[in-house]
Amino acid sequence: MLNKRKIYLRADAGPEIGYGHYIRSLALADMLKQDFDCTMFTQTPTDYQLREAKEVCSVISLPSDDSKFDKFLDYLKGDEIVVLDNYFFTTNYQRAIKAKGCKLVCIDDMHDKHYVADVVINHGCTNASLFDIEPYTHLCLGFEYALLRRPFWQPKKQSRELNSYAICFGGADPQNLTLDYAKRITSEQPFGHIIAIIGDSYQHEDSLREVQGIEVRKRLTANQMAQIFSSAEHVICSASTTAYEALACGAEVTSICYTDNQKELHHLLSSTNFTQSFPKFYNCLRNEFIQLAWRLVNYRELTQSESRQIWQYRNDEEVRQWMKNDNPIAWEEHTAFINTLQSDSTKQYYAFFIGDIFVASYDLVHIANREAECGLFLNKEYEGIGLASAMQTIMEQEATSLQVNRLYAQVRENNHLSLRFFLRNGFEEYQHSNNYVYLHKSI
């Protein structure tokens, strides 16, 4: 069985501090569990937290006192990707995690500290100048990096009720905005179906139920929330992930800002036109973590298991149909070819892996006179998420180190996906013959 790279997600929650950080970190784990081995670490999880995590990843409980910080560090071996999501993780705590050898991702709405993380995710801000970061830190900003739960990725289309409303201000709603907006809507005519969504920590349920025309719903699953947001014409909610979830369902959203950490997201929601289909945030985040985790291996240094994976994918009919030699290759022929690379300086073959899983192969061949021909093929599971361009950048750096300053590519004319890839990455067509398109690029 192939080993996946481990991701440890660290977020606390509860009736007093809310569940937003935990739920969005869990949403991230759900997006990444196909490629990674994810574990959630949280202080004294409630039954609700455990229930939400059941189908996503395992949960490890930490103490609710300050010993939780060192306890979590004790779990780290150095080969994990750590995701922090709470405001109380300081720069020094980030440094302690990096000192272990881990890759680090911070999810943060406030940008009120210096970040030593490899990646910072903030879906409510697009101004990179506001962040105090290291030169290597990559910022993932704006709604393309929204952390939505699975039912909101591709919500089912439903007919919308005219003048219908959904109101949602989180599980506790200490300011009782739910009751306030319920009264506002019902004081106006006409209004249709109104659903108020509350949590177990909401303290004003009896008063809310007294409002005429209100349907109160509680303890809802993400699927139930998506169903409501997909049928309501209007959603009134906090300027939070909930607003993005409602937008993903196609509702008209009124976001309400009532805490400092909501101000930037509220501004972004107010200034952005979301009439178009919601961005492919899932691919953006998956792409980011794969790039953070992948390792580049020269074919000369492959283990037998790694070599066998490449051989299997290269022989896949959908892959080899686009190759110059589109015939299946025997395992013995494959291993013999790799052995020849040990003494052939005109060829360099590389493979990308995450954990033990093969992602892609890239080759530079006919290396001579500062020129080389390049080629690429991907594991089908990783096609269409934007990885190839990042690989091209890495391989152009590798080519430069080999004193290559001009690349060539040869693509079958009906391989439209590959042709678009090379053109998007700065290659130009210079010849078209024998059912092939020939391209080149200076680097």
Protein backbone atom coordinates (compact mmCIF):
# COMPACT_ATOMS: atom_id res chain seq x y z
CA MET A 1 0.00 0.00 0.00
CA LEU A 2 1.36 3.42 -0.97
CA ASN A 3 1.98 5.90 1.83
CA LYS A 4 0.37 9.33 1.66
CA ARG A 5 2.01 12.47 3.03
CA LYS A 6 0.56 13.38 6.43
CA ILE A 7 -1.33 16.61 7.08
CA TYR A 8 -2.01 17.62 10.69
CA LEU A 9 -4.74 20.24 11.02
CA ARG A 10 -4.87 22.20 14.28
CA ALA A 11 -8.04 24.16 15.18
CA ASP A 12 -9.98 24.61 18.42
CA ALA A 13 -13.73 25.13 18.75
CA GLY A 14 -16.59 25.12 21.23
CA PRO A 15 -19.76 26.93 22.29
CA GLU A 16 -17.78 29.89 23.66
CA ILE A 17 -15.32 30.47 20.78
CA GLY A 18 -17.52 29.14 17.98
CA TYR A 19 -16.95 26.38 15.45
CA GLY A 20 -15.91 28.34 12.35
CA HIS A 21 -12.17 27.62 12.45
CA TYR A 22 -12.72 23.92 13.08
CA ILE A 23 -15.37 23.50 10.39
CA ARG A 24 -13.40 25.24 7.67
CA SER A 25 -10.25 23.27 8.57
CA LEU A 26 -12.34 20.12 8.35
CA ALA A 27 -13.58 21.28 4.94
CA LEU A 28 -9.95 21.61 3.86
CA ALA A 29 -9.22 18.07 5.08
CA ASP A 30 -12.15 16.81 3.02
CA MET A 31 -10.70 18.48 -0.08
CA LEU A 32 -7.26 16.95 0.51
CA LYS A 33 -8.00 13.45 1.85
CA GLN A 34 -7.77 11.93 -1.63
CA ASP A 35 -4.09 12.87 -1.80
CA PHE A 36 -3.04 13.08 1.86
CA ASP A 37 -3.42 11.31 5.20
CA CYS A 38 -5.25 13.97 7.25
CA THR A 39 -5.66 14.17 11.04
CA MET A 40 -7.46 16.87 13.02
CA PHE A 41 -6.10 18.00 16.40
CA THR A 42 -8.49 19.96 18.63
CA GLN A 43 -9.04 20.61 22.32
CA THR A 44 -11.72 18.49 24.06
CA PRO A 45 -13.92 17.96 20.98
CA THR A 46 -17.69 18.02 21.42
CA ASP A 47 -19.99 15.32 20.08
CA TYR A 48 -20.87 17.72 17.26
CA GLN A 49 -17.20 18.07 16.26
CA LEU A 50 -16.66 14.32 16.27
CA ARG A 51 -19.83 13.79 14.27
CA GLU A 52 -18.76 16.32 11.63
CA ALA A 53 -15.32 14.71 11.31
CA LYS A 54 -16.56 11.11 11.12
CA GLU A 55 -16.60 10.86 7.33
CA VAL A 56 -13.56 13.09 6.79
CA CYS A 57 -10.60 12.24 9.02
CA SER A 58 -9.54 11.03 12.43
CA VAL A 59 -9.56 13.41 15.42
CA ILE A 60 -7.01 13.57 18.24
CA SER A 61 -8.09 15.34 21.42
CA LEU A 62 -5.78 17.82 23.12
CA PRO A 63 -6.12 19.33 26.62
CA SER A 64 -8.08 22.56 26.99
CA ASP A 65 -5.33 24.29 29.00
CA ASP A 66 -2.09 25.81 27.72
CA SER A 67 -0.33 22.44 27.73
CA LYS A 68 -2.11 21.81 24.40
CA PHE A 69 0.55 23.82 22.57
CA ASP A 70 3.49 21.65 23.63
CA LYS A 71 1.40 18.47 23.43
CA PHE A 72 0.77 19.12 19.75
CA LEU A 73 4.46 19.81 19.07
CA ASP A 74 5.27 16.42 20.61
CA TYR A 75 3.26 14.71 17.85
CA LEU A 76 5.40 16.21 15.09
CA LYS A 77 8.13 14.07 13.50
CA GLY A 78 9.18 16.64 10.90
CA ASP A 79 7.74 15.16 7.71
CA GLU A 80 4.18 16.48 8.17
CA ILE A 81 2.39 19.45 6.67
CA VAL A 82 0.86 21.39 9.57
CA VAL A 83 -2.21 23.62 9.14
CA LEU A 84 -2.91 26.16 11.89
CA ASP A 85 -6.31 27.85 12.11
CA ASN A 86 -6.92 30.08 15.14
CA TYR A 87 -5.89 33.62 16.06
CA PHE A 88 -3.80 32.61 19.09
CA PHE A 89 -0.99 30.87 17.16
CA THR A 90 1.93 33.27 17.48
CA THR A 91 4.94 33.79 15.21
CA ASN A 92 7.10 31.98 17.77
CA TYR A 93 4.76 29.00 17.68
CA GLN A 94 5.04 28.97 13.89
CA ARG A 95 8.84 28.96 14.27
CA ALA A 96 8.64 26.03 16.70
CA ILE A 97 6.75 24.00 14.08
CA LYS A 98 9.15 24.96 11.30
CA ALA A 99 12.09 24.04 13.55
CA LYS A 100 10.69 20.50 13.65
CA GLY A 101 11.19 20.35 9.88
CA CYS A 102 7.48 20.52 8.97
CA LYS A 103 5.91 22.45 6.15
CA LEU A 104 3.50 25.01 7.59
CA VAL A 105 0.21 26.53 6.37
CA CYS A 106 -1.64 29.25 8.30
CA ILE A 107 -5.32 30.02 7.78
CA ASP A 108 -5.89 33.51 9.16
CA ASP A 109 -8.39 36.33 8.67
CA MET A 110 -6.50 39.00 10.58
CA HIS A 111 -2.92 39.25 9.17
CA ASP A 112 -1.90 40.80 12.51
CA LYS A 113 1.44 39.01 12.95
CA HIS A 114 4.59 38.05 11.08
CA TYR A 115 4.27 34.76 9.21
CA VAL A 116 7.09 32.27 8.77
CA ALA A 117 4.66 29.79 7.22
CA ASP A 118 5.21 28.36 3.75
CA VAL A 119 1.63 29.24 2.79
CA VAL A 120 -0.93 31.67 4.22
CA ILE A 121 -4.61 31.31 3.25
CA ASN A 122 -6.98 34.25 3.69
CA HIS A 123 -10.19 34.02 1.67
CA GLY A 124 -11.42 37.46 2.74
CA CYS A 125 -8.55 39.66 1.61
CA THR A 126 -6.83 40.29 -1.73
CA ASN A 127 -4.26 42.93 -0.71
CA ALA A 128 -0.90 41.15 -0.42
CA SER A 129 0.83 44.27 0.90
CA LEU A 130 -1.01 43.90 4.22
CA PHE A 131 0.86 40.69 5.10
CA ASP A 132 4.19 40.57 6.94
CA ILE A 133 5.78 37.42 5.51
CA GLU A 134 9.04 35.69 4.70
CA PRO A 135 10.37 35.85 1.09
CA TYR A 136 9.42 32.21 0.55
CA THR A 137 5.85 32.52 1.88
CA HIS A 138 3.13 32.04 -0.72
CA LEU A 139 -0.12 33.94 -0.21
CA CYS A 140 -3.44 32.36 -1.23
CA LEU A 141 -5.84 35.28 -1.10
CA GLY A 142 -9.46 35.87 -2.06
CA PHE A 143 -12.55 33.80 -2.76
CA GLU A 144 -10.70 31.33 -4.99
CA TYR A 145 -9.41 29.84 -1.74
CA ALA A 146 -12.73 29.64 0.11
CA LEU A 147 -12.87 26.65 2.45
CA LEU A 148 -16.26 25.18 1.69
CA ARG A 149 -17.70 21.88 2.82
CA ARG A 150 -18.34 19.13 0.29
CA PRO A 151 -22.12 19.68 -0.26
CA PHE A 152 -21.34 23.23 -1.42
CA TRP A 153 -18.80 22.20 -4.06
CA GLN A 154 -21.48 21.31 -6.58
CA PRO A 155 -24.84 21.95 -4.90
CA LYS A 156 -27.94 20.47 -6.47
CA LYS A 157 -30.02 22.95 -8.41
CA GLN A 158 -33.50 23.56 -7.03
CA SER A 159 -36.35 25.89 -7.81
CA ARG A 160 -36.29 29.00 -5.63
CA GLU A 161 -39.26 30.26 -3.70
CA LEU A 162 -40.18 33.87 -4.45
CA ASN A 163 -39.22 36.24 -1.58
CA SER A 164 -37.94 33.34 0.51
CA TYR A 165 -35.22 33.94 3.12
CA ALA A 166 -32.68 31.97 5.10
CA ILE A 167 -31.07 33.59 8.16
CA CYS A 168 -27.88 32.18 9.62
CA PHE A 169 -25.54 33.79 12.16
CA GLY A 170 -23.69 30.76 13.49
CA GLY A 171 -24.26 28.33 16.30
CA ALA A 172 -24.35 30.81 19.19
CA ASP A 173 -25.21 34.24 17.72
CA PRO A 174 -24.48 36.09 21.03
CA GLN A 175 -25.78 39.39 19.60
CA ASN A 176 -29.07 37.72 18.67
CA LEU A 177 -28.98 39.04 15.11
CA THR A 178 -31.16 36.10 14.06
CA LEU A 179 -34.15 37.47 15.98
CA ASP A 180 -33.41 41.03 14.89
CA TYR A 181 -33.45 40.20 11.17
CA ALA A 182 -36.39 37.83 11.52
CA LYS A 183 -38.44 40.72 12.91
CA ARG A 184 -37.19 43.09 10.19
CA ILE A 185 -38.24 40.76 7.40
CA THR A 186 -41.65 39.94 8.85
CA SER A 187 -42.37 43.64 9.37
CA GLU A 188 -42.09 44.15 5.61
CA GLN A 189 -44.60 42.98 3.03
CA PRO A 190 -44.63 40.84 1.06
CA PHE A 191 -42.39 38.07 2.36
CA GLY A 192 -42.38 34.38 1.63
CA HIS A 193 -40.98 31.38 3.43
CA ILE A 194 -38.41 32.31 6.14
CA ILE A 195 -36.04 29.79 7.70
CA ALA A 196 -33.92 30.74 10.72
CA ILE A 197 -30.95 28.40 11.21
CA ILE A 198 -29.64 28.18 14.77
CA GLY A 199 -27.25 26.06 16.83
CA ASP A 200 -27.42 24.39 20.21
CA SER A 201 -25.73 27.38 21.86
CA TYR A 202 -28.35 29.90 20.73
CA GLN A 203 -30.05 31.35 23.84
CA HIS A 204 -33.18 32.96 22.35
CA GLU A 205 -34.95 30.09 20.63
CA ASP A 206 -38.25 30.60 22.49
CA SER A 207 -38.46 34.28 21.46
CA LEU A 208 -37.55 33.42 17.89
CA ARG A 209 -40.30 30.83 17.63
CA GLU A 210 -42.83 33.48 18.65
CA VAL A 211 -42.17 35.45 15.45
CA GLN A 212 -45.02 34.74 13.08
CA GLY A 213 -44.04 33.12 9.81
CA ILE A 214 -40.64 31.85 10.96
CA GLU A 215 -39.51 28.23 10.58
CA VAL A 216 -36.71 27.46 13.02
CA ARG A 217 -34.19 24.78 12.06
CA LYS A 218 -31.31 23.50 14.21
CA ARG A 219 -28.62 20.82 14.25
CA LEU A 220 -28.45 20.90 10.47
CA THR A 221 -25.97 18.90 8.45
CA ALA A 222 -24.01 20.53 5.64
CA ASN A 223 -26.29 18.75 3.16
CA GLN A 224 -29.36 20.28 4.78
CA MET A 225 -27.75 23.72 4.80
CA ALA A 226 -26.91 23.42 1.10
CA GLN A 227 -30.49 22.40 0.35
CA ILE A 228 -31.87 25.46 2.16
CA PHE A 229 -29.40 27.86 0.52
CA SER A 230 -30.21 26.37 -2.88
CA SER A 231 -33.96 26.96 -2.50
CA ALA A 232 -33.93 30.34 -0.71
CA GLU A 233 -33.94 33.46 -2.86
CA HIS A 234 -32.17 35.53 -0.20
CA VAL A 235 -29.66 34.56 2.50
CA ILE A 236 -28.81 36.90 5.38
CA CYS A 237 -25.72 35.76 7.26
CA SER A 238 -22.44 36.77 8.83
CA ALA A 239 -19.55 37.89 6.62
CA SER A 240 -17.92 34.50 6.96
CA THR A 241 -17.54 31.17 5.19
CA THR A 242 -21.33 30.87 5.46
CA ALA A 243 -21.66 33.72 2.95
CA TYR A 244 -19.45 31.86 0.48
CA GLU A 245 -21.48 28.69 1.00
CA ALA A 246 -24.68 30.57 0.18
CA LEU A 247 -23.09 32.17 -2.89
CA ALA A 248 -21.92 28.76 -4.08
CA CYS A 249 -25.58 27.69 -3.94
CA GLY A 250 -26.59 30.63 -6.12
CA ALA A 251 -28.47 32.64 -3.49
CA GLU A 252 -28.54 36.42 -3.27
CA VAL A 253 -26.48 37.12 -0.15
CA THR A 254 -26.60 39.98 2.34
CA SER A 255 -23.54 39.67 4.56
CA ILE A 256 -23.53 41.33 7.97
CA CYS A 257 -20.28 42.44 9.60
CA TYR A 258 -20.28 42.54 13.41
CA THR A 259 -16.71 41.57 14.40
CA ASP A 260 -13.30 42.94 13.39
CA ASN A 261 -12.23 39.74 11.65
CA GLN A 262 -15.23 40.02 9.29
CA LYS A 263 -14.51 43.53 7.97
CA GLU A 264 -12.29 42.62 5.02
CA LEU A 265 -14.46 39.72 3.88
CA HIS A 266 -17.53 41.94 4.16
CA HIS A 267 -15.81 44.52 1.94
CA LEU A 268 -14.83 41.84 -0.58
CA LEU A 269 -18.36 40.43 -0.65
CA SER A 270 -19.80 43.93 -1.14
CA SER A 271 -17.40 44.89 -3.93
CA THR A 272 -17.28 41.67 -5.96
CA ASN A 273 -19.75 40.52 -8.59
CA PHE A 274 -20.59 36.88 -7.91
CA THR A 275 -23.15 36.50 -10.69
CA GLN A 276 -20.81 34.16 -12.56
CA SER A 277 -20.34 30.54 -11.52
CA PHE A 278 -18.35 30.13 -8.33
CA PRO A 279 -14.61 29.64 -8.90
CA LYS A 280 -13.01 26.20 -8.87
CA PHE A 281 -11.62 26.73 -5.37
CA TYR A 282 -11.25 22.97 -4.81
CA ASN A 283 -8.61 22.74 -7.53
CA CYS A 284 -6.81 25.89 -6.31
CA LEU A 285 -6.35 24.48 -2.82
CA ARG A 286 -5.52 20.95 -3.93
CA ASN A 287 -2.94 22.33 -6.36
CA GLU A 288 -1.36 24.44 -3.61
CA PHE A 289 -0.90 21.55 -1.20
CA ILE A 290 0.39 19.16 -3.85
CA GLN A 291 3.04 21.70 -4.84
CA LEU A 292 3.94 22.16 -1.18
CA ALA A 293 4.34 18.41 -0.71
CA TRP A 294 5.75 17.06 -3.93
CA ARG A 295 9.30 15.82 -4.35
CA LEU A 296 11.31 15.64 -7.54
CA VAL A 297 13.20 12.41 -8.23
CA ASN A 298 15.68 11.78 -11.02
CA TYR A 299 14.97 8.48 -12.79
CA ARG A 300 18.51 7.42 -11.91
CA GLU A 301 17.50 7.46 -8.22
CA LEU A 302 14.10 5.75 -8.40
CA THR A 303 13.19 2.92 -6.08
CA GLN A 304 11.74 -0.16 -7.74
CA SER A 305 8.28 0.72 -6.43
CA GLU A 306 8.52 4.24 -7.88
CA SER A 307 9.82 2.90 -11.18
CA ARG A 308 6.97 0.39 -11.41
CA GLN A 309 4.38 3.12 -10.90
CA ILE A 310 5.84 5.16 -13.76
CA TRP A 311 5.88 2.08 -15.99
CA GLN A 312 2.23 1.34 -15.20
CA TYR A 313 1.07 4.89 -15.95
CA ARG A 314 3.20 5.14 -19.08
CA ASN A 315 1.50 1.98 -20.39
CA ASP A 316 -1.99 3.33 -19.72
CA GLU A 317 -3.74 3.51 -23.10
CA GLU A 318 -4.92 7.08 -22.52
CA VAL A 319 -1.34 8.18 -21.83
CA ARG A 320 0.64 6.27 -24.45
CA GLN A 321 -1.72 7.17 -27.30
CA TRP A 322 -0.03 10.60 -27.41
CA MET A 323 3.56 9.35 -27.34
CA LYS A 324 5.92 8.91 -30.28
CA ASN A 325 6.13 5.23 -29.34
CA ASP A 326 2.51 4.43 -28.51
CA ASN A 327 3.10 0.70 -28.04
CA PRO A 328 3.04 -0.94 -24.59
CA ILE A 329 6.48 -1.38 -23.03
CA ALA A 330 7.48 -4.52 -21.13
CA TRP A 331 8.80 -4.14 -17.58
CA GLU A 332 12.19 -5.52 -18.63
CA GLU A 333 12.42 -2.97 -21.43
CA HIS A 334 11.51 -0.18 -19.01
CA THR A 335 14.16 -1.16 -16.45
CA ALA A 336 16.79 -1.59 -19.17
CA PHE A 337 16.06 1.92 -20.43
CA ILE A 338 16.46 3.40 -16.94
CA ASN A 339 19.80 1.63 -16.61
CA THR A 340 21.04 3.30 -19.80
CA LEU A 341 20.35 6.71 -18.27
CA GLN A 342 23.21 6.21 -15.80
CA SER A 343 25.75 6.84 -18.58
CA ASP A 344 23.75 9.04 -21.00
CA SER A 345 24.25 12.76 -20.41
CA THR A 346 21.94 13.69 -23.31
CA LYS A 347 18.84 12.55 -21.43
CA GLN A 348 17.40 13.62 -18.08
CA TYR A 349 14.15 12.09 -16.81
CA TYR A 350 12.37 13.26 -13.66
CA ALA A 351 9.32 12.16 -11.68
CA PHE A 352 7.11 14.09 -9.28
CA PHE A 353 5.70 12.28 -6.24
CA ILE A 354 3.56 13.22 -3.23
CA GLY A 355 4.38 10.74 -0.52
CA ASP A 356 4.80 7.50 -2.46
CA ILE A 357 2.24 8.43 -5.11
CA PHE A 358 3.37 9.17 -8.67
CA VAL A 359 2.07 12.47 -10.02
CA ALA A 360 3.94 13.19 -13.26
CA SER A 361 6.98 12.50 -15.41
CA TYR A 362 9.03 15.17 -17.21
CA ASP A 363 11.93 14.57 -19.57
CA LEU A 364 14.66 16.61 -21.22
CA VAL A 365 16.22 14.75 -24.16
CA HIS A 366 18.63 15.44 -27.05
CA ILE A 367 20.51 17.79 -24.74
CA ALA A 368 23.22 19.45 -26.83
CA ASN A 369 24.39 22.91 -27.88
CA ARG A 370 22.30 24.55 -25.12
CA GLU A 371 19.11 23.04 -26.53
CA ALA A 372 16.81 20.19 -25.45
CA GLU A 373 13.47 18.62 -26.29
CA CYS A 374 10.97 18.34 -23.43
CA GLY A 375 7.96 16.15 -22.71
CA LEU A 376 5.50 15.59 -19.89
CA PHE A 377 2.82 13.11 -18.86
CA LEU A 378 0.59 13.13 -15.77
CA ASN A 379 -1.14 10.60 -13.62
CA LYS A 380 -4.77 11.02 -14.76
CA GLU A 381 -5.86 11.77 -11.19
CA TYR A 382 -3.90 15.04 -11.34
CA GLU A 383 -4.95 16.34 -14.73
CA GLY A 384 -6.90 19.58 -15.05
CA ILE A 385 -5.95 21.18 -11.73
CA GLY A 386 -3.15 23.46 -12.92
CA LEU A 387 -0.13 21.45 -11.79
CA ALA A 388 1.59 21.16 -15.17
CA SER A 389 2.46 24.86 -15.39
CA ALA A 390 4.13 24.75 -11.98
CA MET A 391 6.09 21.68 -13.11
CA GLN A 392 7.14 23.50 -16.27
CA THR A 393 8.57 26.33 -14.20
CA ILE A 394 10.59 23.88 -12.08
CA MET A 395 11.86 22.00 -15.11
CA GLU A 396 12.88 25.20 -16.90
CA GLN A 397 15.01 25.99 -13.84
CA GLU A 398 16.48 22.49 -14.08
CA ALA A 399 17.15 22.97 -17.79
CA THR A 400 18.92 26.25 -17.07
CA SER A 401 21.17 24.47 -14.58
CA LEU A 402 22.10 22.08 -17.42
CA GLN A 403 23.13 25.10 -19.56
CA VAL A 404 20.02 24.72 -21.74
CA ASN A 405 18.48 28.00 -22.91
CA ARG A 406 16.14 26.78 -25.63
CA LEU A 407 13.43 24.11 -25.36
CA TYR A 408 11.61 22.25 -28.11
CA ALA A 409 8.40 20.24 -27.96
CA GLN A 410 6.74 17.88 -30.43
CA VAL A 411 2.97 17.35 -30.01
CA ARG A 412 0.48 15.30 -31.98
CA GLU A 413 -1.84 17.73 -33.75
CA ASN A 414 -4.97 16.17 -32.23
CA ASN A 415 -3.54 16.35 -28.67
CA HIS A 416 -5.33 19.62 -27.98
CA LEU A 417 -4.77 19.53 -24.21
CA SER A 418 -0.99 19.26 -24.56
CA LEU A 419 -0.88 21.85 -27.32
CA ARG A 420 -2.80 24.36 -25.19
CA PHE A 421 -0.44 23.67 -22.30
CA PHE A 422 2.69 24.52 -24.27
CA LEU A 423 1.16 27.62 -25.85
CA ARG A 424 0.01 28.88 -22.42
CA ASN A 425 3.54 28.42 -21.12
CA GLY A 426 5.27 30.59 -23.71
CA PHE A 427 6.03 28.10 -26.50
CA GLU A 428 5.52 29.18 -30.11
CA GLU A 429 4.69 27.00 -33.09
CA TYR A 430 7.36 26.97 -35.82
CA GLN A 431 6.42 23.95 -37.92
CA HIS A 432 3.43 21.72 -38.63
CA SER A 433 4.00 18.46 -40.51
CA ASN A 434 3.37 14.68 -40.44
CA ASN A 435 0.48 15.06 -37.98
CA TYR A 436 2.72 16.83 -35.46
CA VAL A 437 3.00 20.41 -34.24
CA TYR A 438 6.55 21.57 -33.45
CA LEU A 439 7.09 24.29 -30.86
CA HIS A 440 10.00 26.08 -29.22
CA LYS A 441 10.77 28.52 -26.41
CA SER A 442 13.77 30.49 -25.17
CA ILE A 443 14.38 30.32 -21.43
